Amino acid sequence: MTFEELKNLDGQYVLQTYGRNPIAIDHGTNATLYDLDGREYIDFAAGIGVLSIGTAHPAWQKAVADQAAKLGHISNLYYSEPYVRLAEKLCTRSGMAAAFFGNSGAEGNEGLIKALSSP
C-alpha cells in the first residue's frame, strides 16, 4: 500500500480528531522505525505519554507470544499471576507499598482520588 492510499483510507474511515505527521510507519526494530519507503526514524514519540520500550525486540516478542498463547486479557475482577508479579516488581524496585493498574488517565485520576479520600 502506498502512503497516499493509506492516507486516503484513513481520511475515509478514521475520525479526524487530530493532525498526523505525513509519515506512514511500516515496521520497527528497537527505537528505529521505518516508513513504507524504508526511510529510518528514531522513535521519540512512542505512543505519546506511554513507556517507550522500543519495537520488535526478540525477548519482548517471546514474552508477548508466550503470554498470548496462555491468556490474553481478563477483567481485574479475577486474580491472575502476571499482574501480581508485575506489581511485586514495581513495588520492590520503587519502594512503594502497592501498585494501581488502570487503563486510562481518567481511571488513574479516579484511583488517586479514591486513595486520597479513603481513611
N, C-alpha and C. Protein backbone atom coordinates (compact mmCIF):
# COMPACT_ATOMS: atom_id res chain seq x y z
N MET A 1 0.84 -1.17 0.00
CA MET A 1 0.00 0.00 0.00
C MET A 1 0.88 1.24 0.00
N THR A 2 0.55 2.22 -0.79
CA THR A 2 1.32 3.46 -0.83
C THR A 2 0.88 4.39 0.29
N PHE A 3 1.68 5.42 0.53
CA PHE A 3 1.33 6.40 1.54
C PHE A 3 0.01 7.09 1.20
N GLU A 4 -0.17 7.47 -0.05
CA GLU A 4 -1.40 8.14 -0.45
C GLU A 4 -2.63 7.25 -0.26
N GLU A 5 -2.50 5.97 -0.59
CA GLU A 5 -3.62 5.04 -0.38
C GLU A 5 -3.97 4.93 1.10
N LEU A 6 -2.94 4.80 1.92
CA LEU A 6 -3.14 4.70 3.36
C LEU A 6 -3.78 5.97 3.90
N LYS A 7 -3.27 7.12 3.48
CA LYS A 7 -3.80 8.41 3.93
C LYS A 7 -5.26 8.58 3.51
N ASN A 8 -5.60 8.17 2.29
CA ASN A 8 -6.98 8.27 1.83
C ASN A 8 -7.92 7.37 2.62
N LEU A 9 -7.49 6.15 2.90
CA LEU A 9 -8.31 5.24 3.72
C LEU A 9 -8.50 5.80 5.13
N ASP A 10 -7.44 6.36 5.68
CA ASP A 10 -7.51 6.98 6.99
C ASP A 10 -8.54 8.10 6.97
N GLY A 11 -8.48 8.94 5.96
CA GLY A 11 -9.42 10.04 5.84
C GLY A 11 -10.86 9.58 5.69
N GLN A 12 -11.05 8.44 5.07
CA GLN A 12 -12.41 7.92 4.84
C GLN A 12 -12.97 7.19 6.06
N TYR A 13 -12.14 6.47 6.80
CA TYR A 13 -12.64 5.56 7.83
C TYR A 13 -12.25 5.90 9.27
N VAL A 14 -11.35 6.85 9.47
CA VAL A 14 -10.90 7.18 10.82
C VAL A 14 -11.36 8.60 11.16
N LEU A 15 -11.99 8.75 12.32
CA LEU A 15 -12.44 10.06 12.76
C LEU A 15 -11.23 10.99 12.86
N GLN A 16 -11.27 12.10 12.20
CA GLN A 16 -10.13 13.02 12.12
C GLN A 16 -10.13 13.98 13.30
N THR A 17 -9.68 13.48 14.45
CA THR A 17 -9.70 14.27 15.68
C THR A 17 -8.38 14.98 15.96
N TYR A 18 -7.33 14.68 15.22
CA TYR A 18 -6.05 15.35 15.41
C TYR A 18 -5.22 15.22 14.15
N GLY A 19 -4.26 16.12 13.98
CA GLY A 19 -3.39 16.09 12.81
C GLY A 19 -2.33 15.02 12.93
N ARG A 20 -1.92 14.51 11.80
CA ARG A 20 -0.86 13.50 11.77
C ARG A 20 0.33 14.02 10.99
N ASN A 21 1.49 13.49 11.31
CA ASN A 21 2.68 13.78 10.50
C ASN A 21 2.57 13.02 9.19
N PRO A 22 3.08 13.56 8.11
CA PRO A 22 2.98 12.88 6.82
C PRO A 22 3.98 11.73 6.67
N ILE A 23 3.88 10.79 7.59
CA ILE A 23 4.77 9.62 7.60
C ILE A 23 3.91 8.40 7.88
N ALA A 24 4.11 7.33 7.12
CA ALA A 24 3.40 6.08 7.35
C ALA A 24 4.41 5.04 7.84
N ILE A 25 4.34 4.72 9.11
CA ILE A 25 5.27 3.75 9.70
C ILE A 25 4.84 2.34 9.32
N ASP A 26 5.80 1.57 8.84
CA ASP A 26 5.53 0.20 8.41
C ASP A 26 6.00 -0.83 9.42
N HIS A 27 7.19 -0.64 9.99
CA HIS A 27 7.72 -1.59 10.95
C HIS A 27 8.83 -0.92 11.75
N GLY A 28 9.34 -1.63 12.75
CA GLY A 28 10.39 -1.07 13.57
C GLY A 28 11.26 -2.12 14.21
N THR A 29 12.41 -1.69 14.66
CA THR A 29 13.34 -2.52 15.42
C THR A 29 13.93 -1.64 16.51
N ASN A 30 13.75 -2.06 17.76
CA ASN A 30 14.19 -1.28 18.90
C ASN A 30 13.63 0.14 18.81
N ALA A 31 14.46 1.18 18.85
CA ALA A 31 13.95 2.56 18.78
C ALA A 31 13.95 3.11 17.36
N THR A 32 14.19 2.27 16.36
CA THR A 32 14.20 2.71 14.97
C THR A 32 12.93 2.28 14.28
N LEU A 33 12.25 3.24 13.66
CA LEU A 33 11.05 2.96 12.88
C LEU A 33 11.35 3.15 11.41
N TYR A 34 10.61 2.46 10.55
CA TYR A 34 10.81 2.54 9.11
C TYR A 34 9.48 2.85 8.44
N ASP A 35 9.52 3.78 7.47
CA ASP A 35 8.28 4.10 6.76
C ASP A 35 8.10 3.15 5.58
N LEU A 36 7.04 3.38 4.81
CA LEU A 36 6.73 2.49 3.68
C LEU A 36 7.82 2.47 2.62
N ASP A 37 8.62 3.54 2.56
CA ASP A 37 9.71 3.62 1.57
C ASP A 37 11.05 3.18 2.15
N GLY A 38 11.07 2.71 3.39
CA GLY A 38 12.30 2.22 4.01
C GLY A 38 13.12 3.28 4.70
N ARG A 39 12.66 4.54 4.77
CA ARG A 39 13.40 5.58 5.47
C ARG A 39 13.35 5.31 6.97
N GLU A 40 14.46 5.63 7.66
CA GLU A 40 14.59 5.38 9.09
C GLU A 40 14.24 6.61 9.91
N TYR A 41 13.61 6.36 11.07
CA TYR A 41 13.29 7.42 12.03
C TYR A 41 13.60 6.90 13.42
N ILE A 42 14.09 7.78 14.29
CA ILE A 42 14.25 7.41 15.69
C ILE A 42 12.93 7.71 16.38
N ASP A 43 12.38 6.75 17.10
CA ASP A 43 11.08 6.90 17.74
C ASP A 43 11.20 7.66 19.04
N PHE A 44 10.91 8.97 18.98
CA PHE A 44 10.91 9.80 20.18
C PHE A 44 9.50 9.99 20.74
N ALA A 45 8.48 9.51 20.04
CA ALA A 45 7.10 9.72 20.48
C ALA A 45 6.54 8.49 21.19
N ALA A 46 6.73 7.32 20.64
CA ALA A 46 6.37 6.04 21.26
C ALA A 46 5.00 6.02 21.91
N GLY A 47 3.98 6.39 21.20
CA GLY A 47 2.64 6.32 21.74
C GLY A 47 2.25 7.54 22.56
N ILE A 48 3.12 8.52 22.67
CA ILE A 48 2.88 9.78 23.37
C ILE A 48 2.36 9.55 24.78
N GLY A 49 3.20 9.74 25.74
CA GLY A 49 2.80 9.63 27.13
C GLY A 49 2.82 8.22 27.69
N VAL A 50 3.38 7.29 26.96
CA VAL A 50 3.50 5.92 27.46
C VAL A 50 4.96 5.53 27.47
N LEU A 51 5.24 4.44 28.10
CA LEU A 51 6.61 3.96 28.21
C LEU A 51 7.14 3.55 26.84
N SER A 52 8.32 4.04 26.51
CA SER A 52 8.95 3.66 25.25
C SER A 52 9.91 2.50 25.50
N ILE A 53 9.52 1.32 25.03
CA ILE A 53 10.38 0.16 25.23
C ILE A 53 10.96 -0.32 23.91
N GLY A 54 10.73 0.41 22.85
CA GLY A 54 11.25 0.01 21.55
C GLY A 54 10.28 -0.91 20.84
N THR A 55 10.72 -1.40 19.70
CA THR A 55 9.86 -2.21 18.83
C THR A 55 10.56 -3.50 18.43
N ALA A 56 9.82 -4.58 18.49
CA ALA A 56 10.23 -5.87 17.95
C ALA A 56 11.48 -6.48 18.57
N HIS A 57 11.78 -6.18 19.83
CA HIS A 57 12.91 -6.82 20.50
C HIS A 57 12.57 -8.30 20.68
N PRO A 58 13.51 -9.20 20.37
CA PRO A 58 13.21 -10.64 20.44
C PRO A 58 12.70 -11.12 21.80
N ALA A 59 13.25 -10.61 22.89
CA ALA A 59 12.79 -11.04 24.22
C ALA A 59 11.35 -10.56 24.47
N TRP A 60 11.04 -9.35 24.03
CA TRP A 60 9.67 -8.83 24.18
C TRP A 60 8.71 -9.65 23.32
N GLN A 61 9.11 -9.95 22.08
CA GLN A 61 8.26 -10.75 21.20
C GLN A 61 7.94 -12.11 21.83
N LYS A 62 8.96 -12.74 22.40
CA LYS A 62 8.76 -14.05 23.01
C LYS A 62 7.83 -13.96 24.22
N ALA A 63 8.06 -12.95 25.06
CA ALA A 63 7.21 -12.78 26.24
C ALA A 63 5.75 -12.55 25.85
N VAL A 64 5.53 -11.71 24.84
CA VAL A 64 4.16 -11.44 24.40
C VAL A 64 3.53 -12.69 23.79
N ALA A 65 4.28 -13.40 22.95
CA ALA A 65 3.76 -14.61 22.32
C ALA A 65 3.44 -15.68 23.36
N ASP A 66 4.33 -15.84 24.34
CA ASP A 66 4.09 -16.83 25.39
C ASP A 66 2.83 -16.50 26.18
N GLN A 67 2.68 -15.22 26.54
CA GLN A 67 1.51 -14.82 27.32
C GLN A 67 0.24 -14.91 26.48
N ALA A 68 0.30 -14.51 25.21
CA ALA A 68 -0.89 -14.57 24.34
C ALA A 68 -1.34 -16.01 24.13
N ALA A 69 -0.40 -16.93 24.13
CA ALA A 69 -0.76 -18.35 23.96
C ALA A 69 -1.42 -18.91 25.22
N LYS A 70 -1.20 -18.23 26.35
CA LYS A 70 -1.75 -18.72 27.61
C LYS A 70 -3.03 -17.98 28.00
N LEU A 71 -2.97 -16.65 27.98
CA LEU A 71 -4.10 -15.83 28.43
C LEU A 71 -3.91 -14.42 27.89
N GLY A 72 -4.91 -13.92 27.16
CA GLY A 72 -4.81 -12.57 26.60
C GLY A 72 -5.15 -11.51 27.62
N HIS A 73 -6.41 -11.29 27.86
CA HIS A 73 -6.84 -10.27 28.80
C HIS A 73 -8.04 -10.78 29.57
N ILE A 74 -8.03 -10.51 30.85
CA ILE A 74 -9.20 -10.81 31.68
C ILE A 74 -9.51 -9.59 32.52
N SER A 75 -10.68 -9.55 33.07
CA SER A 75 -11.10 -8.45 33.93
C SER A 75 -10.27 -8.45 35.20
N ASN A 76 -10.15 -7.27 35.80
CA ASN A 76 -9.47 -7.19 37.09
C ASN A 76 -10.37 -7.67 38.23
N LEU A 77 -11.51 -8.25 37.88
CA LEU A 77 -12.37 -8.87 38.88
C LEU A 77 -11.86 -10.26 39.27
N TYR A 78 -10.85 -10.75 38.57
CA TYR A 78 -10.26 -12.06 38.84
C TYR A 78 -8.80 -11.90 39.22
N TYR A 79 -8.26 -12.89 39.89
CA TYR A 79 -6.84 -12.93 40.20
C TYR A 79 -6.11 -13.55 39.03
N SER A 80 -4.90 -13.05 38.77
CA SER A 80 -4.06 -13.61 37.71
C SER A 80 -2.59 -13.35 38.06
N GLU A 81 -1.75 -14.35 37.86
CA GLU A 81 -0.35 -14.23 38.28
C GLU A 81 0.41 -13.10 37.58
N PRO A 82 0.25 -12.86 36.26
CA PRO A 82 1.08 -11.82 35.63
C PRO A 82 0.97 -10.43 36.27
N TYR A 83 -0.25 -10.00 36.61
CA TYR A 83 -0.34 -8.65 37.18
C TYR A 83 0.19 -8.61 38.61
N VAL A 84 0.06 -9.71 39.35
CA VAL A 84 0.59 -9.75 40.71
C VAL A 84 2.12 -9.71 40.68
N ARG A 85 2.71 -10.45 39.75
CA ARG A 85 4.18 -10.45 39.63
C ARG A 85 4.69 -9.07 39.22
N LEU A 86 3.96 -8.40 38.30
CA LEU A 86 4.35 -7.05 37.89
C LEU A 86 4.25 -6.08 39.06
N ALA A 87 3.18 -6.16 39.83
CA ALA A 87 3.02 -5.29 41.00
C ALA A 87 4.16 -5.51 41.99
N GLU A 88 4.52 -6.77 42.18
CA GLU A 88 5.63 -7.10 43.08
C GLU A 88 6.92 -6.43 42.62
N LYS A 89 7.22 -6.54 41.31
CA LYS A 89 8.44 -5.92 40.77
C LYS A 89 8.40 -4.40 40.92
N LEU A 90 7.26 -3.80 40.59
CA LEU A 90 7.14 -2.34 40.69
C LEU A 90 7.35 -1.87 42.12
N CYS A 91 6.74 -2.54 43.07
CA CYS A 91 6.85 -2.15 44.48
C CYS A 91 8.26 -2.37 45.01
N THR A 92 8.85 -3.50 44.66
CA THR A 92 10.20 -3.81 45.13
C THR A 92 11.21 -2.80 44.60
N ARG A 93 11.08 -2.44 43.33
CA ARG A 93 12.04 -1.51 42.72
C ARG A 93 11.79 -0.05 43.08
N SER A 94 10.55 0.32 43.34
CA SER A 94 10.25 1.73 43.61
C SER A 94 10.19 2.06 45.09
N GLY A 95 10.04 1.04 45.94
CA GLY A 95 9.88 1.28 47.36
C GLY A 95 8.46 1.64 47.75
N MET A 96 7.55 1.60 46.80
CA MET A 96 6.15 1.90 47.10
C MET A 96 5.49 0.67 47.73
N ALA A 97 4.37 0.90 48.41
CA ALA A 97 3.70 -0.19 49.12
C ALA A 97 2.77 -1.00 48.23
N ALA A 98 2.19 -0.38 47.21
CA ALA A 98 1.21 -1.07 46.37
C ALA A 98 1.18 -0.42 45.00
N ALA A 99 0.66 -1.15 44.03
CA ALA A 99 0.53 -0.65 42.65
C ALA A 99 -0.94 -0.57 42.27
N PHE A 100 -1.27 0.39 41.45
CA PHE A 100 -2.63 0.52 40.90
C PHE A 100 -2.53 0.40 39.39
N PHE A 101 -3.31 -0.50 38.81
CA PHE A 101 -3.33 -0.67 37.37
C PHE A 101 -4.62 -0.10 36.80
N GLY A 102 -4.48 0.82 35.88
CA GLY A 102 -5.63 1.42 35.21
C GLY A 102 -5.40 1.42 33.72
N ASN A 103 -6.45 1.67 32.95
CA ASN A 103 -6.29 1.64 31.50
C ASN A 103 -6.44 3.02 30.86
N SER A 104 -6.54 4.05 31.69
CA SER A 104 -6.64 5.39 31.13
C SER A 104 -6.24 6.41 32.17
N GLY A 105 -6.00 7.62 31.72
CA GLY A 105 -5.70 8.70 32.65
C GLY A 105 -6.88 8.99 33.56
N ALA A 106 -8.09 8.89 33.01
CA ALA A 106 -9.29 9.14 33.83
C ALA A 106 -9.39 8.11 34.95
N GLU A 107 -9.11 6.87 34.62
CA GLU A 107 -9.16 5.82 35.64
C GLU A 107 -8.05 6.02 36.67
N GLY A 108 -6.89 6.47 36.20
CA GLY A 108 -5.80 6.77 37.12
C GLY A 108 -6.16 7.89 38.09
N ASN A 109 -6.78 8.95 37.56
CA ASN A 109 -7.21 10.05 38.42
C ASN A 109 -8.27 9.59 39.41
N GLU A 110 -9.20 8.77 38.95
CA GLU A 110 -10.24 8.23 39.85
C GLU A 110 -9.60 7.43 40.98
N GLY A 111 -8.62 6.59 40.63
CA GLY A 111 -7.93 5.80 41.66
C GLY A 111 -7.21 6.68 42.66
N LEU A 112 -6.58 7.76 42.18
CA LEU A 112 -5.87 8.68 43.07
C LEU A 112 -6.85 9.36 44.01
N ILE A 113 -7.97 9.84 43.48
CA ILE A 113 -8.98 10.49 44.33
C ILE A 113 -9.49 9.53 45.39
N LYS A 114 -9.77 8.30 45.02
CA LYS A 114 -10.24 7.31 45.98
C LYS A 114 -9.18 7.01 47.03
N ALA A 115 -7.92 6.90 46.60
CA ALA A 115 -6.85 6.60 47.55
C ALA A 115 -6.65 7.74 48.54
N LEU A 116 -6.74 8.98 48.05
CA LEU A 116 -6.55 10.14 48.93
C LEU A 116 -7.72 10.38 49.87
N SER A 117 -8.92 9.93 49.46
CA SER A 117 -10.09 10.20 50.29
C SER A 117 -10.45 9.04 51.22
N SER A 118 -9.75 7.91 51.10
CA SER A 118 -10.06 6.79 51.99
C SER A 118 -9.31 6.97 53.30
N PRO A 119 -9.90 6.48 54.39
CA PRO A 119 -9.26 6.65 55.72
C PRO A 119 -7.99 5.86 55.86
